[in-house]
């Protein structure tokens, strides 16, 4: 976040954390339903694998965004 003052960086960090918190559980219900065999058979298995993989990818991206923002804020001190 080059060029931002400390206050703006803190505000950006807060927004990134809020977005992460708001979206962390976005795919949880679908994953839970798939674990409960809500949709079975080859298509169900494929969808279940896809939704679980998507949840892992989403959470990894959110965690990375928060970490990068925190690191940038720490470097600005």
N, C-alpha and C. Protein backbone atom coordinates (compact mmCIF):
# COMPACT_ATOMS: atom_id res chain seq x y z
N UNK A 1 0.83 -1.17 0.00
CA UNK A 1 0.00 0.00 0.00
C UNK A 1 0.88 1.25 0.00
N UNK A 2 1.72 1.37 -1.00
CA UNK A 2 2.64 2.50 -1.05
C UNK A 2 1.90 3.83 -1.12
N UNK A 3 2.47 4.82 -0.44
CA UNK A 3 1.92 6.15 -0.52
C UNK A 3 0.80 6.45 0.46
N UNK A 4 0.36 5.45 1.22
CA UNK A 4 -0.71 5.70 2.18
C UNK A 4 -0.13 6.10 3.52
N UNK A 5 -0.79 7.03 4.20
CA UNK A 5 -0.33 7.37 5.54
C UNK A 5 -0.81 6.29 6.52
N UNK A 6 -0.30 6.34 7.70
CA UNK A 6 -0.59 5.30 8.71
C UNK A 6 -2.08 5.15 8.96
N UNK A 7 -2.79 6.25 9.05
CA UNK A 7 -4.23 6.20 9.32
C UNK A 7 -4.98 5.52 8.16
N UNK A 8 -4.61 5.85 6.94
CA UNK A 8 -5.24 5.23 5.77
C UNK A 8 -4.90 3.75 5.71
N UNK A 9 -3.68 3.39 6.06
CA UNK A 9 -3.29 1.98 6.07
C UNK A 9 -4.07 1.21 7.12
N UNK A 10 -4.27 1.81 8.29
CA UNK A 10 -5.06 1.17 9.35
C UNK A 10 -6.50 0.98 8.89
N UNK A 11 -7.06 1.98 8.22
CA UNK A 11 -8.43 1.86 7.71
C UNK A 11 -8.52 0.76 6.66
N UNK A 12 -7.53 0.67 5.78
CA UNK A 12 -7.51 -0.38 4.76
C UNK A 12 -7.40 -1.75 5.42
N UNK A 13 -6.55 -1.86 6.43
CA UNK A 13 -6.40 -3.12 7.15
C UNK A 13 -7.71 -3.53 7.80
N UNK A 14 -8.40 -2.58 8.38
CA UNK A 14 -9.69 -2.87 9.01
C UNK A 14 -10.72 -3.34 7.99
N UNK A 15 -10.74 -2.71 6.82
CA UNK A 15 -11.68 -3.12 5.77
C UNK A 15 -11.35 -4.53 5.28
N UNK A 16 -10.07 -4.82 5.09
CA UNK A 16 -9.66 -6.15 4.64
C UNK A 16 -10.04 -7.20 5.67
N UNK A 17 -9.81 -6.91 6.95
CA UNK A 17 -10.17 -7.86 8.01
C UNK A 17 -11.67 -8.07 8.04
N UNK A 18 -12.44 -7.00 7.90
CA UNK A 18 -13.91 -7.13 7.91
C UNK A 18 -14.39 -7.97 6.73
N UNK A 19 -13.85 -7.73 5.54
CA UNK A 19 -14.22 -8.55 4.38
C UNK A 19 -13.88 -10.01 4.62
N UNK A 20 -12.73 -10.26 5.21
CA UNK A 20 -12.34 -11.63 5.51
C UNK A 20 -13.32 -12.25 6.50
N UNK A 21 -13.61 -11.53 7.58
CA UNK A 21 -14.55 -12.04 8.58
C UNK A 21 -15.93 -12.30 7.98
N UNK A 22 -16.38 -11.40 7.13
CA UNK A 22 -17.71 -11.53 6.53
C UNK A 22 -17.81 -12.70 5.55
N UNK A 23 -16.69 -13.05 4.92
CA UNK A 23 -16.74 -14.06 3.86
C UNK A 23 -16.10 -15.40 4.23
N UNK A 24 -15.51 -15.50 5.40
CA UNK A 24 -14.82 -16.72 5.82
C UNK A 24 -15.75 -17.95 5.75
N UNK A 25 -16.99 -17.76 6.13
CA UNK A 25 -17.95 -18.88 6.21
C UNK A 25 -18.86 -18.97 4.99
N UNK A 26 -18.54 -18.26 3.92
CA UNK A 26 -19.43 -18.17 2.75
C UNK A 26 -19.81 -19.54 2.17
N UNK A 27 -18.92 -20.49 2.16
CA UNK A 27 -19.20 -21.79 1.57
C UNK A 27 -19.43 -22.89 2.60
N UNK A 28 -19.44 -22.51 3.87
CA UNK A 28 -19.56 -23.49 4.94
C UNK A 28 -20.87 -24.30 4.85
N UNK A 29 -21.97 -23.62 4.63
CA UNK A 29 -23.27 -24.32 4.58
C UNK A 29 -23.29 -25.34 3.45
N UNK A 30 -22.78 -24.98 2.30
CA UNK A 30 -22.75 -25.91 1.17
C UNK A 30 -21.85 -27.10 1.48
N UNK A 31 -20.71 -26.85 2.09
CA UNK A 31 -19.81 -27.95 2.46
C UNK A 31 -20.47 -28.88 3.47
N UNK A 32 -21.14 -28.29 4.45
CA UNK A 32 -21.82 -29.09 5.47
C UNK A 32 -22.92 -29.95 4.85
N UNK A 33 -23.67 -29.38 3.95
CA UNK A 33 -24.72 -30.15 3.27
C UNK A 33 -24.13 -31.29 2.46
N UNK A 34 -23.04 -31.04 1.80
CA UNK A 34 -22.41 -32.09 0.99
C UNK A 34 -21.85 -33.20 1.88
N UNK A 35 -21.32 -32.84 3.03
CA UNK A 35 -20.83 -33.84 3.98
C UNK A 35 -21.98 -34.69 4.52
N UNK A 36 -23.18 -34.12 4.56
CA UNK A 36 -24.37 -34.84 5.03
C UNK A 36 -25.07 -35.59 3.90
N UNK A 37 -24.37 -35.71 2.76
CA UNK A 37 -24.89 -36.44 1.61
C UNK A 37 -26.16 -35.82 1.02
N UNK A 38 -26.20 -34.50 0.96
CA UNK A 38 -27.35 -33.80 0.40
C UNK A 38 -27.51 -34.10 -1.08
N UNK A 39 -26.43 -34.39 -1.74
CA UNK A 39 -26.46 -34.70 -3.18
C UNK A 39 -25.48 -35.83 -3.39
N UNK A 40 -25.95 -36.96 -3.87
CA UNK A 40 -25.10 -38.14 -4.00
C UNK A 40 -24.89 -38.50 -5.47
N UNK A 41 -24.06 -39.47 -5.69
CA UNK A 41 -23.75 -39.90 -7.05
C UNK A 41 -22.55 -39.16 -7.59
N UNK A 42 -22.17 -39.47 -8.82
CA UNK A 42 -20.98 -38.86 -9.40
C UNK A 42 -21.04 -37.33 -9.47
N UNK A 43 -22.19 -36.80 -9.85
CA UNK A 43 -22.33 -35.33 -9.92
C UNK A 43 -22.24 -34.71 -8.53
N UNK A 44 -22.86 -35.35 -7.57
CA UNK A 44 -22.80 -34.87 -6.20
C UNK A 44 -21.38 -34.92 -5.66
N UNK A 45 -20.69 -36.01 -5.93
CA UNK A 45 -19.31 -36.13 -5.48
C UNK A 45 -18.43 -35.05 -6.12
N UNK A 46 -18.63 -34.82 -7.40
CA UNK A 46 -17.86 -33.79 -8.10
C UNK A 46 -18.14 -32.41 -7.50
N UNK A 47 -19.42 -32.12 -7.30
CA UNK A 47 -19.78 -30.82 -6.71
C UNK A 47 -19.21 -30.69 -5.31
N UNK A 48 -19.32 -31.75 -4.51
CA UNK A 48 -18.79 -31.72 -3.16
C UNK A 48 -17.29 -31.44 -3.14
N UNK A 49 -16.57 -32.13 -4.03
CA UNK A 49 -15.12 -31.89 -4.12
C UNK A 49 -14.84 -30.45 -4.53
N UNK A 50 -15.60 -29.96 -5.50
CA UNK A 50 -15.39 -28.60 -6.00
C UNK A 50 -15.69 -27.56 -4.92
N UNK A 51 -16.77 -27.73 -4.20
CA UNK A 51 -17.14 -26.72 -3.19
C UNK A 51 -16.15 -26.75 -2.03
N UNK A 52 -15.67 -27.92 -1.65
CA UNK A 52 -14.66 -27.99 -0.59
C UNK A 52 -13.33 -27.35 -1.04
N UNK A 53 -12.94 -27.61 -2.26
CA UNK A 53 -11.72 -27.01 -2.80
C UNK A 53 -11.87 -25.49 -2.88
N UNK A 54 -13.04 -25.04 -3.31
CA UNK A 54 -13.30 -23.60 -3.40
C UNK A 54 -13.25 -22.95 -2.03
N UNK A 55 -13.78 -23.63 -1.02
CA UNK A 55 -13.74 -23.10 0.34
C UNK A 55 -12.28 -22.97 0.81
N UNK A 56 -11.47 -23.97 0.55
CA UNK A 56 -10.06 -23.91 0.93
C UNK A 56 -9.35 -22.78 0.22
N UNK A 57 -9.61 -22.62 -1.07
CA UNK A 57 -8.99 -21.54 -1.84
C UNK A 57 -9.42 -20.17 -1.34
N UNK A 58 -10.71 -20.02 -1.08
CA UNK A 58 -11.23 -18.75 -0.57
C UNK A 58 -10.58 -18.40 0.76
N UNK A 59 -10.54 -19.36 1.66
CA UNK A 59 -9.95 -19.10 2.98
C UNK A 59 -8.46 -18.80 2.88
N UNK A 60 -7.77 -19.46 1.97
CA UNK A 60 -6.34 -19.18 1.77
C UNK A 60 -6.15 -17.76 1.25
N UNK A 61 -6.98 -17.35 0.30
CA UNK A 61 -6.87 -15.99 -0.24
C UNK A 61 -7.18 -14.94 0.83
N UNK A 62 -8.22 -15.19 1.63
CA UNK A 62 -8.57 -14.25 2.68
C UNK A 62 -7.46 -14.15 3.72
N UNK A 63 -6.91 -15.29 4.11
CA UNK A 63 -5.82 -15.29 5.09
C UNK A 63 -4.60 -14.56 4.54
N UNK A 64 -4.30 -14.78 3.27
CA UNK A 64 -3.16 -14.10 2.65
C UNK A 64 -3.38 -12.60 2.61
N UNK A 65 -4.57 -12.16 2.25
CA UNK A 65 -4.86 -10.73 2.19
C UNK A 65 -4.70 -10.08 3.56
N UNK A 66 -5.21 -10.73 4.59
CA UNK A 66 -5.08 -10.19 5.95
C UNK A 66 -3.62 -10.14 6.37
N UNK A 67 -2.89 -11.21 6.11
CA UNK A 67 -1.48 -11.27 6.48
C UNK A 67 -0.67 -10.19 5.77
N UNK A 68 -0.89 -10.03 4.47
CA UNK A 68 -0.17 -9.01 3.71
C UNK A 68 -0.48 -7.61 4.23
N UNK A 69 -1.74 -7.36 4.53
CA UNK A 69 -2.12 -6.05 5.04
C UNK A 69 -1.51 -5.79 6.41
N UNK A 70 -1.53 -6.80 7.28
CA UNK A 70 -0.92 -6.65 8.62
C UNK A 70 0.58 -6.41 8.50
N UNK A 71 1.23 -7.17 7.63
CA UNK A 71 2.67 -7.00 7.43
C UNK A 71 2.99 -5.59 6.94
N UNK A 72 2.21 -5.12 6.01
CA UNK A 72 2.43 -3.76 5.47
C UNK A 72 2.23 -2.71 6.55
N UNK A 73 1.22 -2.91 7.36
CA UNK A 73 0.94 -1.98 8.46
C UNK A 73 2.08 -2.01 9.49
N UNK A 74 2.59 -3.19 9.78
CA UNK A 74 3.70 -3.32 10.71
C UNK A 74 4.95 -2.64 10.19
N UNK A 75 5.22 -2.78 8.91
CA UNK A 75 6.40 -2.14 8.31
C UNK A 75 6.27 -0.61 8.36
N UNK A 76 5.06 -0.11 8.36
CA UNK A 76 4.85 1.34 8.34
C UNK A 76 5.07 1.99 9.70
N UNK A 77 5.20 1.20 10.74
CA UNK A 77 5.37 1.76 12.09
C UNK A 77 6.68 2.48 12.24
